[in-house]
C-alpha cells in the first residue's frame, strides 16, 4: 500500500451519535435500556481518539424503541460530558416549543462554561405528535413548526448578538416590559454554533439565514446532491456558506464479506412491530421525508444505510471521499456497538484520510 501524500477534496469532520436510546437499531435483539455510563464512556473514548464532535438528539420519548422505552435527556448528558472531556465538540439538538429560548440560552451557556469551549445547537422542528402531546405542547403543522423555529432562533440571537442586545423595543416576559437584552448577562463569546436539521425548503431557508450547518438524514446521492446545491445557493443570498452534515450508519470491517454478514444479521433480526409503529407515526405527521423508506431503511432511525458506509475499511474510505466530493463536510456516525467500533473506524478510516494516504 502506497503512503504517497495526495489531496482529498476537503477535510471531513467525524462525529459520534451518543446512544441515548439504548441500542440504535430497531431489531429484536437490541436492548432498549440506555446506559448513562456507557454514553459517558463512549464520549470520553471518542475525545481521546480524536473525533471532532459528539451529537446528542433531544427526544423526550424514545424514537428508536417506542414511547414506553426510557430515553436520556440530551443536555443533561452533554453537561456531564462537558466536565469529563477536553477538546471534542459537543452538539445537542433542541426542539423549539419543548424549551423556551431563554431557558435554552441559559442551559447552552452553562454547558459551554462547564466545557470551557463553545457548544453547538442543532435546531430540529420535530414530527412525532405523541412526543409533543406528552410534553403538553402543540405540535403545529409544518409551517407552524418552522415559524416557531424561526422565532426561537431570532430570540436566541438577541441574547448573543451585541448589535441587537440593546434594542429597547424587544420584549420578553408576561409583563411585556421593554428589556435591555445586554442586561440579561449572556457572554457573546459563549454563543453557540448553530445547525438546522430538515429536508424541506423551509429547513434549507432557515439554515441559509441562521446556521453554520444543515444536518440531513442519509439520502441517495442524487437527492443528497440536490439538497447540497440548494443549501449552498440559498446561503449565498445571505453572503454565507452552510456546511453539510449527513447521518450515516457505519459497518466497517477488515473485509467486505464480514461487513456484509453483519448487515445481513441486522436485517434478519429487524423488529417489524417497531418499524410498523413508527411508519404509522411518520405518516400521521404529514412529513414526506420518510415516504419511500423500505423496512430495511427503517431499521436505522435516520436512514443511515443510505450513506453506504458499509464494507471493508478501504471501501468505506473510498465512500467517505465520494461523499466529500459531493460536498459533505461532516459525517455523524452511528455504530451498532460504539465502544467496540469507534476505535477501529478511527484507526483504519479516519486517520488514513486525515493523513492523505493513497488507498
Protein backbone atom coordinates (compact mmCIF):
# COMPACT_ATOMS: atom_id res chain seq x y z
CA UNK A 1 0.00 0.00 0.00
CA UNK A 2 1.41 3.36 -1.00
CA UNK A 3 1.88 6.15 1.54
CA UNK A 4 2.17 8.88 -1.11
CA UNK A 5 0.58 12.10 0.06
CA UNK A 6 -2.34 13.33 -2.01
CA UNK A 7 -5.03 15.93 -1.78
CA UNK A 8 -8.54 14.96 -0.77
CA UNK A 9 -11.50 17.14 -1.81
CA UNK A 10 -11.92 18.62 1.68
CA UNK A 11 -11.34 17.54 5.27
CA UNK A 12 -14.46 15.90 6.64
CA UNK A 13 -15.38 16.18 10.31
CA UNK A 14 -16.43 12.97 12.05
CA UNK A 15 -18.91 12.89 14.91
CA UNK A 16 -20.45 10.16 17.06
CA UNK A 17 -24.14 9.85 17.89
CA UNK A 18 -24.44 9.23 21.62
CA UNK A 19 -26.65 6.17 22.30
CA UNK A 20 -29.24 7.97 24.43
CA UNK A 21 -31.92 5.49 23.29
CA UNK A 22 -30.02 2.34 24.16
CA UNK A 23 -29.09 0.36 21.07
CA UNK A 24 -29.51 2.26 17.81
CA UNK A 25 -31.31 -0.24 15.67
CA UNK A 26 -34.90 -1.41 15.56
CA UNK A 27 -34.02 -5.08 15.85
CA UNK A 28 -35.39 -7.84 18.05
CA UNK A 29 -32.01 -8.27 19.70
CA UNK A 30 -31.46 -4.62 20.61
CA UNK A 31 -31.53 -3.64 24.25
CA UNK A 32 -33.96 -0.79 24.83
CA UNK A 33 -32.38 0.47 28.06
CA UNK A 34 -29.93 3.37 27.67
CA UNK A 35 -26.84 3.15 29.86
CA UNK A 36 -25.57 6.52 31.11
CA UNK A 37 -22.15 5.09 32.00
CA UNK A 38 -21.75 3.66 28.51
CA UNK A 39 -22.72 7.01 26.97
CA UNK A 40 -20.08 8.79 29.04
CA UNK A 41 -17.51 6.12 28.23
CA UNK A 42 -18.27 6.50 24.51
CA UNK A 43 -17.83 10.27 24.81
CA UNK A 44 -14.52 10.04 26.65
CA UNK A 45 -13.21 7.41 24.25
CA UNK A 46 -14.18 9.50 21.21
CA UNK A 47 -12.47 12.51 22.78
CA UNK A 48 -9.26 10.57 23.32
CA UNK A 49 -9.32 9.03 19.85
CA UNK A 50 -9.59 12.41 18.14
CA UNK A 51 -13.17 12.54 16.85
CA UNK A 52 -14.42 16.01 16.07
CA UNK A 53 -17.71 16.09 17.95
CA UNK A 54 -20.35 14.21 19.90
CA UNK A 55 -24.01 14.52 18.97
CA UNK A 56 -26.98 14.11 21.33
CA UNK A 57 -30.51 14.15 19.94
CA UNK A 58 -33.25 15.76 22.01
CA UNK A 59 -36.14 13.33 22.35
CA UNK A 60 -38.41 13.22 25.36
CA UNK A 61 -39.78 9.92 24.08
CA UNK A 62 -37.70 7.07 22.70
CA UNK A 63 -37.84 7.37 18.89
CA UNK A 64 -36.00 4.08 18.31
CA UNK A 65 -37.83 1.61 20.51
CA UNK A 66 -41.11 3.38 21.20
CA UNK A 67 -42.75 5.63 23.80
CA UNK A 68 -42.73 3.01 26.56
CA UNK A 69 -38.93 2.70 26.48
CA UNK A 70 -36.67 5.00 28.56
CA UNK A 71 -34.50 7.67 26.96
CA UNK A 72 -31.80 10.01 28.29
CA UNK A 73 -32.03 13.80 28.25
CA UNK A 74 -29.56 15.15 25.71
CA UNK A 75 -28.44 18.26 27.56
CA UNK A 76 -28.07 16.62 30.96
CA UNK A 77 -25.79 14.09 29.26
CA UNK A 78 -23.84 16.79 27.43
CA UNK A 79 -23.28 18.68 30.69
CA UNK A 80 -21.77 15.52 32.19
CA UNK A 81 -19.56 15.02 29.13
CA UNK A 82 -18.54 18.68 29.23
CA UNK A 83 -16.94 18.01 32.63
CA UNK A 84 -15.00 14.89 31.60
CA UNK A 85 -13.82 15.65 28.03
CA UNK A 86 -11.08 18.02 26.95
CA UNK A 87 -11.40 19.08 23.34
CA UNK A 88 -14.15 17.27 21.46
CA UNK A 89 -17.05 19.35 20.18
CA UNK A 90 -20.41 18.97 21.89
CA UNK A 91 -23.55 19.25 19.76
CA UNK A 92 -27.06 18.88 21.12
CA UNK A 93 -30.45 19.08 19.45
CA UNK A 94 -33.20 21.39 20.66
CA UNK A 95 -36.84 21.25 19.60
CA UNK A 96 -38.36 24.75 19.82
CA UNK A 97 -41.52 24.55 21.86
CA UNK A 98 -40.16 21.98 24.28
CA UNK A 99 -37.81 24.61 25.74
CA UNK A 100 -38.17 28.40 25.75
CA UNK A 101 -35.36 30.42 24.11
CA UNK A 102 -34.34 31.97 27.44
CA UNK A 103 -34.21 28.63 29.23
CA UNK A 104 -32.31 27.12 26.31
CA UNK A 105 -29.82 30.01 26.25
CA UNK A 106 -29.05 29.59 29.97
CA UNK A 107 -28.67 25.84 29.53
CA UNK A 108 -26.39 26.18 26.50
CA UNK A 109 -24.16 28.76 28.12
CA UNK A 110 -23.87 26.68 31.29
CA UNK A 111 -22.74 23.63 29.31
CA UNK A 112 -20.25 25.86 27.48
CA UNK A 113 -18.88 27.14 30.78
CA UNK A 114 -18.51 23.60 32.14
CA UNK A 115 -16.74 22.51 28.96
CA UNK A 116 -14.57 25.60 28.63
CA UNK A 117 -15.44 25.80 24.93
CA UNK A 118 -18.33 26.77 22.68
CA UNK A 119 -21.00 24.19 22.08
CA UNK A 120 -23.24 23.59 19.08
CA UNK A 121 -27.04 23.59 18.96
CA UNK A 122 -28.99 21.70 16.30
CA UNK A 123 -32.47 23.10 15.74
CA UNK A 124 -34.95 20.40 14.77
CA UNK A 125 -38.63 21.17 14.39
CA UNK A 126 -39.93 17.73 15.44
CA UNK A 127 -42.52 15.49 13.83
CA UNK A 128 -43.81 12.97 16.40
CA UNK A 129 -47.19 14.08 17.72
CA UNK A 130 -47.09 11.70 20.69
CA UNK A 131 -43.93 13.41 21.92
CA UNK A 132 -45.41 16.89 21.80
CA UNK A 133 -48.70 15.68 23.30
CA UNK A 134 -46.80 14.10 26.21
CA UNK A 135 -44.99 17.41 26.76
CA UNK A 136 -48.33 19.30 26.59
CA UNK A 137 -47.03 21.35 23.67
CA UNK A 138 -48.84 21.84 20.36
CA UNK A 139 -47.09 20.08 17.51
CA UNK A 140 -48.37 22.58 14.87
CA UNK A 141 -48.39 21.96 11.12
CA UNK A 142 -45.18 22.10 9.09
CA UNK A 143 -45.36 25.86 8.52
CA UNK A 144 -46.17 26.46 12.17
CA UNK A 145 -43.25 24.35 13.37
CA UNK A 146 -40.81 26.28 11.19
CA UNK A 147 -42.34 29.61 12.16
CA UNK A 148 -41.74 28.57 15.78
CA UNK A 149 -38.16 27.57 14.98
CA UNK A 150 -37.55 30.87 13.21
CA UNK A 151 -38.87 32.84 16.17
CA UNK A 152 -36.77 30.71 18.52
CA UNK A 153 -33.58 31.45 16.57
CA UNK A 154 -34.35 35.17 16.30
CA UNK A 155 -34.90 35.38 20.04
CA UNK A 156 -31.78 33.34 20.78
CA UNK A 157 -29.76 35.67 18.56
CA UNK A 158 -30.85 38.67 20.62
CA UNK A 159 -29.19 37.14 23.66
CA UNK A 160 -25.89 36.65 21.85
CA UNK A 161 -25.66 39.39 19.21
CA UNK A 162 -24.26 42.64 20.65
CA UNK A 163 -25.80 44.56 17.75
CA UNK A 164 -29.29 43.54 18.80
CA UNK A 165 -28.83 43.14 22.54
CA UNK A 166 -29.63 46.76 23.46
CA UNK A 167 -32.75 47.14 21.30
CA UNK A 168 -35.29 48.54 23.77
CA UNK A 169 -38.18 47.53 21.53
CA UNK A 170 -37.53 43.86 22.25
CA UNK A 171 -39.77 42.42 24.91
CA UNK A 172 -39.79 39.24 26.96
CA UNK A 173 -41.84 38.00 29.84
CA UNK A 174 -45.54 38.08 30.52
CA UNK A 175 -45.42 41.67 31.73
CA UNK A 176 -44.41 42.98 28.33
CA UNK A 177 -41.92 45.50 29.77
CA UNK A 178 -39.10 46.55 27.43
CA UNK A 179 -35.93 44.69 28.34
CA UNK A 180 -32.30 45.53 27.64
CA UNK A 181 -31.03 42.18 26.39
CA UNK A 182 -27.45 43.11 27.25
CA UNK A 183 -28.53 43.17 30.91
CA UNK A 184 -29.55 39.50 30.84
CA UNK A 185 -25.94 38.53 31.48
CA UNK A 186 -25.09 36.44 28.42
CA UNK A 187 -21.50 36.31 27.21
CA UNK A 188 -21.30 36.79 23.44
CA UNK A 189 -18.08 34.75 23.41
CA UNK A 190 -20.06 31.74 24.67
CA UNK A 191 -22.62 31.98 21.86
CA UNK A 192 -23.29 28.55 20.36
CA UNK A 193 -22.69 27.47 16.81
CA UNK A 194 -25.99 26.67 15.09
CA UNK A 195 -27.09 23.72 12.98
CA UNK A 196 -30.51 23.18 11.46
CA UNK A 197 -31.98 19.76 10.62
CA UNK A 198 -34.52 19.12 7.88
CA UNK A 199 -35.09 18.33 4.23
CA UNK A 200 -37.80 20.83 3.35
CA UNK A 201 -37.38 24.14 1.53
CA UNK A 202 -38.17 25.88 4.80
CA UNK A 203 -35.42 23.99 6.63
CA UNK A 204 -32.95 24.95 3.91
CA UNK A 205 -34.00 28.60 4.12
CA UNK A 206 -33.68 28.60 7.91
CA UNK A 207 -30.21 27.08 7.70
CA UNK A 208 -29.17 29.54 4.99
CA UNK A 209 -30.07 32.51 7.18
CA UNK A 210 -29.02 31.32 10.63
CA UNK A 211 -26.95 28.16 10.65
CA UNK A 212 -23.38 27.13 10.08
CA UNK A 213 -24.52 23.65 9.09
CA UNK A 214 -27.52 21.86 7.58
CA UNK A 215 -27.91 18.33 9.01
CA UNK A 216 -29.52 15.79 6.67
CA UNK A 217 -30.62 12.20 7.08
CA UNK A 218 -28.97 9.61 4.88
CA UNK A 219 -30.14 10.13 1.29
CA UNK A 220 -29.49 8.61 -2.13
CA UNK A 221 -26.67 10.52 -3.81
CA UNK A 222 -28.90 12.25 -6.37
CA UNK A 223 -31.15 13.66 -3.66
CA UNK A 224 -28.20 14.49 -1.41
CA UNK A 225 -26.53 16.45 -4.20
CA UNK A 226 -29.70 18.41 -4.87
CA UNK A 227 -30.02 19.36 -1.18
CA UNK A 228 -26.37 20.45 -1.06
CA UNK A 229 -26.71 22.63 -4.16
CA UNK A 230 -29.94 24.19 -2.89
CA UNK A 231 -28.46 24.90 0.55
CA UNK A 232 -25.31 26.49 -0.85
CA UNK A 233 -27.29 28.67 -3.27
CA UNK A 234 -29.70 29.75 -0.53
CA UNK A 235 -26.80 30.68 1.77
CA UNK A 236 -25.19 32.83 -0.93
CA UNK A 237 -28.23 35.10 -0.81
CA UNK A 238 -27.15 35.95 2.74
CA UNK A 239 -23.47 36.09 1.74
CA UNK A 240 -22.85 32.99 3.83
CA UNK A 241 -21.67 29.40 3.40
CA UNK A 242 -23.50 26.49 5.01
CA UNK A 243 -21.68 23.26 5.79
CA UNK A 244 -23.47 19.95 5.19
CA UNK A 245 -23.65 17.17 7.77
CA UNK A 246 -25.04 13.74 6.89
CA UNK A 247 -26.19 10.91 9.11
CA UNK A 248 -24.54 7.54 8.46
CA UNK A 249 -24.81 4.07 9.95
CA UNK A 250 -21.33 2.56 9.80
CA UNK A 251 -20.31 -1.07 9.47
CA UNK A 252 -16.60 -1.14 8.65
CA UNK A 253 -14.59 -4.35 8.86
CA UNK A 254 -11.40 -5.96 7.60
CA UNK A 255 -13.28 -7.50 4.68
CA UNK A 256 -16.35 -6.62 2.66
CA UNK A 257 -17.71 -10.11 3.38
CA UNK A 258 -17.53 -9.56 7.14
CA UNK A 259 -19.33 -6.21 6.87
CA UNK A 260 -21.98 -7.72 4.60
CA UNK A 261 -22.54 -10.55 7.05
CA UNK A 262 -23.02 -8.11 9.93
CA UNK A 263 -25.52 -6.11 7.88
CA UNK A 264 -27.42 -9.27 6.93
CA UNK A 265 -27.67 -10.27 10.60
CA UNK A 266 -29.14 -6.86 11.38
CA UNK A 267 -31.68 -7.08 8.56
CA UNK A 268 -32.73 -10.62 9.52
CA UNK A 269 -33.45 -9.56 13.11
CA UNK A 270 -35.33 -6.33 12.32
CA UNK A 271 -38.22 -5.54 14.63
CA UNK A 272 -41.18 -5.39 12.26
CA UNK A 273 -43.54 -4.31 15.02
CA UNK A 274 -41.43 -1.27 15.93
CA UNK A 275 -40.95 -0.39 12.26
CA UNK A 276 -44.70 -0.56 11.61
CA UNK A 277 -45.39 1.61 14.68
CA UNK A 278 -43.04 4.36 13.57
CA UNK A 279 -44.10 4.15 9.95
CA UNK A 280 -47.66 4.90 11.08
CA UNK A 281 -46.45 7.76 13.30
CA UNK A 282 -44.44 9.25 10.45
CA UNK A 283 -47.38 9.04 8.06
CA UNK A 284 -49.61 10.70 10.65
CA UNK A 285 -47.11 13.57 10.95
CA UNK A 286 -47.71 14.58 7.33
CA UNK A 287 -43.96 14.73 6.65
CA UNK A 288 -42.80 13.47 3.27
CA UNK A 289 -39.19 12.71 4.27
CA UNK A 290 -39.87 9.04 5.00
CA UNK A 291 -42.47 8.32 2.32
CA UNK A 292 -40.30 6.00 0.24
CA UNK A 293 -38.35 4.26 3.00
CA UNK A 294 -38.24 0.48 2.86
CA UNK A 295 -38.47 -1.60 6.03
CA UNK A 296 -34.72 -2.17 5.76
CA UNK A 297 -34.01 1.56 5.76
CA UNK A 298 -36.34 1.99 8.74
CA UNK A 299 -34.18 -0.30 10.88
CA UNK A 300 -32.00 2.76 11.43
CA UNK A 301 -33.72 5.87 12.76
CA UNK A 302 -32.30 8.37 10.27
CA UNK A 303 -31.87 6.39 7.04
CA UNK A 304 -28.22 5.83 7.87
CA UNK A 305 -27.86 2.88 5.49
CA UNK A 306 -28.31 5.34 2.60
CA UNK A 307 -24.84 6.76 3.29
CA UNK A 308 -23.35 3.40 2.18
CA UNK A 309 -20.58 3.35 4.80
CA UNK A 310 -20.79 -0.43 4.95
CA UNK A 311 -17.90 -2.51 3.67
CA UNK A 312 -14.21 -3.10 4.12
CA UNK A 313 -12.14 -0.31 5.66
CA UNK A 314 -10.77 0.51 2.21
CA UNK A 315 -14.25 0.62 0.69
CA UNK A 316 -15.51 2.87 3.47
CA UNK A 317 -12.55 5.23 3.00
CA UNK A 318 -13.37 5.42 -0.69
CA UNK A 319 -17.00 6.14 0.09
CA UNK A 320 -16.09 8.93 2.52
CA UNK A 321 -14.10 10.55 -0.26
CA UNK A 322 -17.07 10.24 -2.59
CA UNK A 323 -19.28 11.99 -0.03
CA UNK A 324 -16.66 14.70 0.36
CA UNK A 325 -16.59 15.19 -3.39
CA UNK A 326 -20.39 15.60 -3.35
CA UNK A 327 -19.99 18.45 -0.86
CA UNK A 328 -20.47 16.74 2.52
CA UNK A 329 -18.50 18.43 5.30
CA UNK A 330 -19.41 16.33 8.33
CA UNK A 331 -20.49 12.74 8.90
CA UNK A 332 -22.46 11.97 12.05
CA UNK A 333 -21.77 8.29 12.66
CA UNK A 334 -23.97 5.69 14.29
CA UNK A 335 -22.46 2.33 15.26
CA UNK A 336 -24.06 -0.93 16.29
CA UNK A 337 -21.62 -1.10 19.24
CA UNK A 338 -19.80 2.24 19.66
CA UNK A 339 -17.36 1.02 22.30
CA UNK A 340 -16.30 -1.81 20.01
CA UNK A 341 -16.38 0.03 16.68
CA UNK A 342 -15.20 3.64 17.03
CA UNK A 343 -11.57 2.71 17.70
CA UNK A 344 -11.04 0.61 14.54
CA UNK A 345 -13.00 3.16 12.49
CA UNK A 346 -10.69 5.94 13.65
CA UNK A 347 -7.53 3.90 13.06
CA UNK A 348 -8.48 2.34 9.72
CA UNK A 349 -10.66 5.01 8.11
CA UNK A 350 -10.38 8.46 9.68
CA UNK A 351 -6.65 8.65 10.35
CA UNK A 352 -5.60 7.48 6.87
CA UNK A 353 -7.94 10.04 5.32
CA UNK A 354 -6.58 12.79 7.54
CA UNK A 355 -3.04 11.87 6.59
CA UNK A 356 -3.95 11.89 2.89
CA UNK A 357 -2.64 8.39 2.32
CA UNK A 358 -3.37 6.75 -1.01
CA UNK A 359 -5.74 3.85 -0.74
